[in-house]
N, C-alpha and C. Protein backbone atom coordinates (compact mmCIF):
# COMPACT_ATOMS: atom_id res chain seq x y z
N UNK A 1 9.16 20.10 -10.52
CA UNK A 1 8.40 18.85 -10.45
C UNK A 1 9.00 17.96 -9.37
N UNK A 2 8.16 17.54 -8.44
CA UNK A 2 8.61 16.67 -7.36
C UNK A 2 8.35 15.21 -7.72
N UNK A 3 9.27 14.35 -7.33
CA UNK A 3 9.07 12.92 -7.53
C UNK A 3 9.36 12.19 -6.24
N UNK A 4 8.68 11.07 -6.06
CA UNK A 4 8.90 10.20 -4.92
C UNK A 4 9.06 8.79 -5.47
N UNK A 5 9.43 7.85 -4.59
CA UNK A 5 9.63 6.47 -5.01
C UNK A 5 8.51 5.60 -4.46
N UNK A 6 7.88 4.83 -5.36
CA UNK A 6 6.82 3.91 -4.94
C UNK A 6 7.40 2.84 -4.03
N UNK A 7 6.83 2.66 -2.83
CA UNK A 7 7.36 1.64 -1.91
C UNK A 7 7.05 0.21 -2.37
N UNK A 8 6.13 0.06 -3.31
CA UNK A 8 5.75 -1.27 -3.80
C UNK A 8 6.68 -1.75 -4.91
N UNK A 9 6.91 -0.90 -5.92
CA UNK A 9 7.68 -1.34 -7.09
C UNK A 9 8.93 -0.50 -7.35
N UNK A 10 9.15 0.52 -6.52
CA UNK A 10 10.32 1.40 -6.60
C UNK A 10 10.36 2.26 -7.86
N UNK A 11 9.21 2.42 -8.51
CA UNK A 11 9.14 3.31 -9.67
C UNK A 11 9.11 4.76 -9.20
N UNK A 12 9.49 5.66 -10.08
CA UNK A 12 9.43 7.08 -9.77
C UNK A 12 7.99 7.55 -9.97
N UNK A 13 7.43 8.20 -8.94
CA UNK A 13 6.06 8.69 -8.98
C UNK A 13 6.13 10.21 -8.98
N UNK A 14 5.46 10.83 -9.94
CA UNK A 14 5.47 12.29 -10.06
C UNK A 14 4.36 12.88 -9.21
N UNK A 15 4.72 13.85 -8.35
CA UNK A 15 3.73 14.58 -7.57
C UNK A 15 3.43 15.87 -8.32
N UNK A 16 2.23 15.96 -8.86
CA UNK A 16 1.83 17.13 -9.64
C UNK A 16 1.80 18.38 -8.77
N UNK A 17 1.92 19.54 -9.39
CA UNK A 17 1.79 20.80 -8.67
C UNK A 17 0.41 20.84 -8.03
N UNK A 18 0.34 21.27 -6.79
CA UNK A 18 -0.94 21.33 -6.09
C UNK A 18 -1.25 20.08 -5.28
N UNK A 19 -0.39 19.06 -5.37
CA UNK A 19 -0.59 17.85 -4.58
C UNK A 19 -0.45 18.22 -3.10
N UNK A 20 -1.31 17.65 -2.26
CA UNK A 20 -1.30 17.95 -0.83
C UNK A 20 -1.00 16.71 -0.01
N UNK A 21 -0.48 16.90 1.20
CA UNK A 21 -0.25 15.80 2.13
C UNK A 21 -1.60 15.17 2.45
N UNK A 22 -1.64 13.86 2.44
CA UNK A 22 -2.88 13.13 2.71
C UNK A 22 -3.62 12.73 1.44
N UNK A 23 -3.21 13.29 0.30
CA UNK A 23 -3.86 12.97 -0.97
C UNK A 23 -3.49 11.55 -1.39
N UNK A 24 -4.44 10.86 -2.02
CA UNK A 24 -4.20 9.51 -2.54
C UNK A 24 -3.92 9.62 -4.03
N UNK A 25 -2.79 9.04 -4.44
CA UNK A 25 -2.43 9.02 -5.86
C UNK A 25 -2.21 7.56 -6.26
N UNK A 26 -2.09 7.30 -7.54
CA UNK A 26 -1.90 5.94 -8.04
C UNK A 26 -0.55 5.84 -8.73
N UNK A 27 0.19 4.79 -8.41
CA UNK A 27 1.47 4.55 -9.09
C UNK A 27 1.18 4.18 -10.54
N UNK A 28 1.80 4.89 -11.48
CA UNK A 28 1.59 4.62 -12.89
C UNK A 28 2.16 3.29 -13.35
N UNK A 29 3.11 2.73 -12.60
CA UNK A 29 3.73 1.47 -13.01
C UNK A 29 2.97 0.25 -12.48
N UNK A 30 2.72 0.21 -11.16
CA UNK A 30 2.11 -0.99 -10.59
C UNK A 30 0.64 -0.81 -10.22
N UNK A 31 0.13 0.44 -10.22
CA UNK A 31 -1.29 0.68 -9.99
C UNK A 31 -1.73 0.70 -8.54
N UNK A 32 -0.79 0.61 -7.60
CA UNK A 32 -1.15 0.61 -6.19
C UNK A 32 -1.53 2.02 -5.75
N UNK A 33 -2.45 2.12 -4.78
CA UNK A 33 -2.83 3.42 -4.22
C UNK A 33 -1.76 3.87 -3.23
N UNK A 34 -1.34 5.13 -3.35
CA UNK A 34 -0.30 5.68 -2.48
C UNK A 34 -0.83 6.93 -1.80
N UNK A 35 -0.44 7.10 -0.54
CA UNK A 35 -0.80 8.31 0.20
C UNK A 35 0.42 9.21 0.28
N UNK A 36 0.23 10.48 -0.05
CA UNK A 36 1.32 11.45 0.06
C UNK A 36 1.49 11.76 1.55
N UNK A 37 2.67 11.43 2.10
CA UNK A 37 2.90 11.66 3.53
C UNK A 37 3.83 12.83 3.80
N UNK A 38 4.52 13.31 2.76
CA UNK A 38 5.41 14.45 2.93
C UNK A 38 5.64 15.10 1.57
N UNK A 39 5.75 16.42 1.57
CA UNK A 39 6.08 17.14 0.33
C UNK A 39 7.51 17.64 0.33
N UNK A 40 8.11 17.77 1.50
CA UNK A 40 9.48 18.28 1.60
C UNK A 40 10.24 17.49 2.66
N UNK A 41 10.89 16.38 2.31
CA UNK A 41 11.08 15.86 0.96
C UNK A 41 9.84 15.10 0.47
N UNK A 42 9.67 14.99 -0.85
CA UNK A 42 8.53 14.24 -1.38
C UNK A 42 8.60 12.78 -0.95
N UNK A 43 7.52 12.30 -0.34
CA UNK A 43 7.50 10.91 0.14
C UNK A 43 6.08 10.38 0.09
N UNK A 44 5.95 9.12 -0.34
CA UNK A 44 4.65 8.46 -0.38
C UNK A 44 4.74 7.13 0.35
N UNK A 45 3.58 6.63 0.79
CA UNK A 45 3.50 5.34 1.46
C UNK A 45 2.28 4.61 0.92
N UNK A 46 2.23 3.31 1.12
CA UNK A 46 1.05 2.56 0.70
C UNK A 46 -0.17 3.13 1.41
N UNK A 47 -1.22 3.41 0.66
CA UNK A 47 -2.43 3.97 1.24
C UNK A 47 -3.11 2.92 2.13
N UNK A 48 -3.68 3.35 3.24
CA UNK A 48 -4.39 2.39 4.09
C UNK A 48 -5.59 1.82 3.34
N UNK A 49 -5.83 0.55 3.52
CA UNK A 49 -6.97 -0.09 2.86
C UNK A 49 -8.26 0.44 3.48
N UNK A 50 -9.22 0.76 2.61
CA UNK A 50 -10.50 1.25 3.12
C UNK A 50 -11.32 0.06 3.60
N UNK A 51 -11.96 0.25 4.74
CA UNK A 51 -12.83 -0.79 5.28
C UNK A 51 -14.10 -0.85 4.44
N UNK A 52 -14.55 -2.05 4.14
CA UNK A 52 -15.80 -2.19 3.40
C UNK A 52 -16.97 -1.90 4.33
N UNK A 53 -17.90 -1.12 3.85
CA UNK A 53 -19.11 -0.82 4.62
C UNK A 53 -20.24 -1.59 3.98
N UNK A 54 -20.69 -2.62 4.65
CA UNK A 54 -21.73 -3.49 4.11
C UNK A 54 -23.12 -3.03 4.52
N UNK A 55 -23.29 -1.70 4.70
CA UNK A 55 -24.61 -1.17 5.03
C UNK A 55 -24.97 -1.34 6.49
N UNK A 56 -23.96 -1.52 7.32
CA UNK A 56 -24.24 -1.72 8.75
C UNK A 56 -24.48 -0.40 9.43
């Protein structure tokens, strides 16, 4: 089982088996969206905010 540290609240975040680089996961402690940026070593970063599409 791989774990990484949430950059927002420093909680331990578990990367489930089958997790891929680029996948978005949610921190179980603070609820922030995290992007998996590395599996070896396990590392996550704050996910980029999605731009709102107002039907343009």
